[in-house]
Amino acid sequence: NDAATYVAVSAIATVGFPSISANSEATVTAAITGASSGYSVVAGWSAAFEDGIIIKQIWISADDTCSIRVANITASPIDPASVTAYLIALSN
């Protein structure tokens, strides 16, 4: 049998970003127990981000830790509201 075996782990976390300056980025972390470096991550959100905030990257940055990087693509600072992140990490 040539079927691949994957491991999936999930977490729900409240994510709060700091105020993000104009044309800048911010990264926060969330716990996702069982995830390891190299896992792929998908995320769902409890609410939309403010206009001008884009999700730039989501990755497993250390064992049991997911990093989420967003960017403020506007010419003004934005203080994003906290959101709930629904995270799933899959082994490669």
C-alpha atoms as a PDB file:
ATOM      1  CA  ASN A   1       0.000   0.000   0.000  1.00  0.00           C
ATOM      2  CA  ASP A   2       1.517   3.352  -1.089  1.00  0.00           C
ATOM      3  CA  ALA A   3      -0.946   5.499   0.862  1.00  0.00           C
ATOM      4  CA  ALA A   4       0.714   8.346   2.726  1.00  0.00           C
ATOM      5  CA  THR A   5       0.131   8.728   6.442  1.00  0.00           C
ATOM      6  CA  TYR A   6      -0.398  12.235   7.758  1.00  0.00           C
ATOM      7  CA  VAL A   7      -0.800  13.604  11.245  1.00  0.00           C
ATOM      8  CA  ALA A   8      -3.315  16.388  11.870  1.00  0.00           C
ATOM      9  CA  VAL A   9      -3.533  18.499  15.023  1.00  0.00           C
ATOM     10  CA  SER A  10      -5.823  21.420  15.734  1.00  0.00           C
ATOM     11  CA  ALA A  11      -6.238  24.307  18.149  1.00  0.00           C
ATOM     12  CA  ILE A  12      -8.507  27.241  18.859  1.00  0.00           C
ATOM     13  CA  ALA A  13      -6.711  30.375  20.060  1.00  0.00           C
ATOM     14  CA  THR A  14      -7.519  34.018  20.707  1.00  0.00           C
ATOM     15  CA  VAL A  15      -5.125  36.094  18.625  1.00  0.00           C
ATOM     16  CA  GLY A  16      -4.465  39.730  19.493  1.00  0.00           C
ATOM     17  CA  PHE A  17      -2.111  41.793  17.369  1.00  0.00           C
ATOM     18  CA  PRO A  18      -0.471  44.966  18.632  1.00  0.00           C
ATOM     19  CA  SER A  19      -1.070  48.275  16.889  1.00  0.00           C
ATOM     20  CA  ILE A  20       0.629  48.011  13.498  1.00  0.00           C
ATOM     21  CA  SER A  21       2.318  51.082  12.033  1.00  0.00           C
ATOM     22  CA  ALA A  22       1.670  52.158   8.448  1.00  0.00           C
ATOM     23  CA  ASN A  23       3.204  49.816   5.858  1.00  0.00           C
ATOM     24  CA  SER A  24       4.504  47.495   8.582  1.00  0.00           C
ATOM     25  CA  GLU A  25       4.102  43.926   9.776  1.00  0.00           C
ATOM     26  CA  ALA A  26       3.441  42.179  13.089  1.00  0.00           C
ATOM     27  CA  THR A  27       3.828  38.552  14.141  1.00  0.00           C
ATOM     28  CA  VAL A  28       2.136  36.778  17.047  1.00  0.00           C
ATOM     29  CA  THR A  29       2.163  33.160  18.167  1.00  0.00           C
ATOM     30  CA  ALA A  30      -0.497  30.669  19.174  1.00  0.00           C
ATOM     31  CA  ALA A  31      -0.138  27.262  20.831  1.00  0.00           C
ATOM     32  CA  ILE A  32      -0.940  24.224  18.696  1.00  0.00           C
ATOM     33  CA  THR A  33       0.061  21.172  20.709  1.00  0.00           C
ATOM     34  CA  GLY A  34       1.552  18.336  18.675  1.00  0.00           C
ATOM     35  CA  ALA A  35       2.627  20.433  15.680  1.00  0.00           C
ATOM     36  CA  SER A  36       6.268  20.356  14.587  1.00  0.00           C
ATOM     37  CA  SER A  37       8.422  22.465  12.295  1.00  0.00           C
ATOM     38  CA  GLY A  38       7.661  21.591   8.699  1.00  0.00           C
ATOM     39  CA  TYR A  39       3.930  21.021   9.229  1.00  0.00           C
ATOM     40  CA  SER A  40       1.581  22.943   6.929  1.00  0.00           C
ATOM     41  CA  VAL A  41      -1.021  25.176   8.578  1.00  0.00           C
ATOM     42  CA  VAL A  42      -4.492  26.324   7.566  1.00  0.00           C
ATOM     43  CA  ALA A  43      -6.531  28.823   9.551  1.00  0.00           C
ATOM     44  CA  GLY A  44     -10.064  30.076   9.837  1.00  0.00           C
ATOM     45  CA  TRP A  45     -11.073  33.251  11.648  1.00  0.00           C
ATOM     46  CA  SER A  46     -14.031  34.242  13.815  1.00  0.00           C
ATOM     47  CA  ALA A  47     -14.244  37.647  12.132  1.00  0.00           C
ATOM     48  CA  ALA A  48     -12.814  39.588   9.225  1.00  0.00           C
ATOM     49  CA  PHE A  49      -9.664  41.605   9.758  1.00  0.00           C
ATOM     50  CA  GLU A  50      -9.840  45.384   9.447  1.00  0.00           C
ATOM     51  CA  ASP A  51      -9.533  46.874   5.957  1.00  0.00           C
ATOM     52  CA  GLY A  52      -5.848  47.246   5.148  1.00  0.00           C
ATOM     53  CA  ILE A  53      -4.732  44.193   7.180  1.00  0.00           C
ATOM     54  CA  ILE A  54      -3.657  41.157   5.167  1.00  0.00           C
ATOM     55  CA  ILE A  55      -2.496  37.753   6.348  1.00  0.00           C
ATOM     56  CA  LYS A  56       1.022  37.401   5.059  1.00  0.00           C
ATOM     57  CA  GLN A  57       2.176  34.052   6.443  1.00  0.00           C
ATOM     58  CA  ILE A  58       1.193  31.297   8.883  1.00  0.00           C
ATOM     59  CA  TRP A  59       3.709  28.621   9.860  1.00  0.00           C
ATOM     60  CA  ILE A  60       4.853  26.293  12.620  1.00  0.00           C
ATOM     61  CA  SER A  61       7.803  28.220  14.018  1.00  0.00           C
ATOM     62  CA  ALA A  62       8.703  25.771  16.805  1.00  0.00           C
ATOM     63  CA  ASP A  63       7.267  22.605  18.282  1.00  0.00           C
ATOM     64  CA  ASP A  64       3.728  23.312  19.519  1.00  0.00           C
ATOM     65  CA  THR A  65       3.861  26.929  18.249  1.00  0.00           C
ATOM     66  CA  CYS A  66       2.166  28.558  15.268  1.00  0.00           C
ATOM     67  CA  SER A  67       3.320  32.000  14.107  1.00  0.00           C
ATOM     68  CA  ILE A  68       0.903  34.320  12.311  1.00  0.00           C
ATOM     69  CA  ARG A  69       2.257  37.331  10.410  1.00  0.00           C
ATOM     70  CA  VAL A  70       0.010  40.118   9.126  1.00  0.00           C
ATOM     71  CA  ALA A  71       0.770  43.316   7.264  1.00  0.00           C
ATOM     72  CA  ASN A  72      -0.784  46.761   7.384  1.00  0.00           C
ATOM     73  CA  ILE A  73      -0.797  47.888   3.748  1.00  0.00           C
ATOM     74  CA  THR A  74      -2.180  51.360   4.464  1.00  0.00           C
ATOM     75  CA  ALA A  75      -0.559  54.721   5.108  1.00  0.00           C
ATOM     76  CA  SER A  76      -2.056  54.877   8.636  1.00  0.00           C
ATOM     77  CA  PRO A  77      -1.580  52.785  11.792  1.00  0.00           C
ATOM     78  CA  ILE A  78      -4.187  50.104  12.537  1.00  0.00           C
ATOM     79  CA  ASP A  79      -4.974  48.549  15.928  1.00  0.00           C
ATOM     80  CA  PRO A  80      -6.574  45.218  14.965  1.00  0.00           C
ATOM     81  CA  ALA A  81      -9.268  43.711  17.185  1.00  0.00           C
ATOM     82  CA  SER A  82      -8.602  40.285  18.691  1.00  0.00           C
ATOM     83  CA  VAL A  83      -9.999  37.335  16.736  1.00  0.00           C
ATOM     84  CA  THR A  84     -10.392  33.636  17.369  1.00  0.00           C
ATOM     85  CA  ALA A  85      -8.134  31.511  15.161  1.00  0.00           C
ATOM     86  CA  TYR A  86      -9.194  27.967  14.234  1.00  0.00           C
ATOM     87  CA  LEU A  87      -5.897  26.276  13.336  1.00  0.00           C
ATOM     88  CA  ILE A  88      -5.171  22.912  11.707  1.00  0.00           C
ATOM     89  CA  ALA A  89      -1.609  21.710  11.184  1.00  0.00           C
ATOM     90  CA  LEU A  90      -0.824  18.754   8.903  1.00  0.00           C
ATOM     91  CA  SER A  91       2.410  16.793   8.726  1.00  0.00           C
ATOM     92  CA  ASN A  92       4.076  16.688   5.338  1.00  0.00           C
END
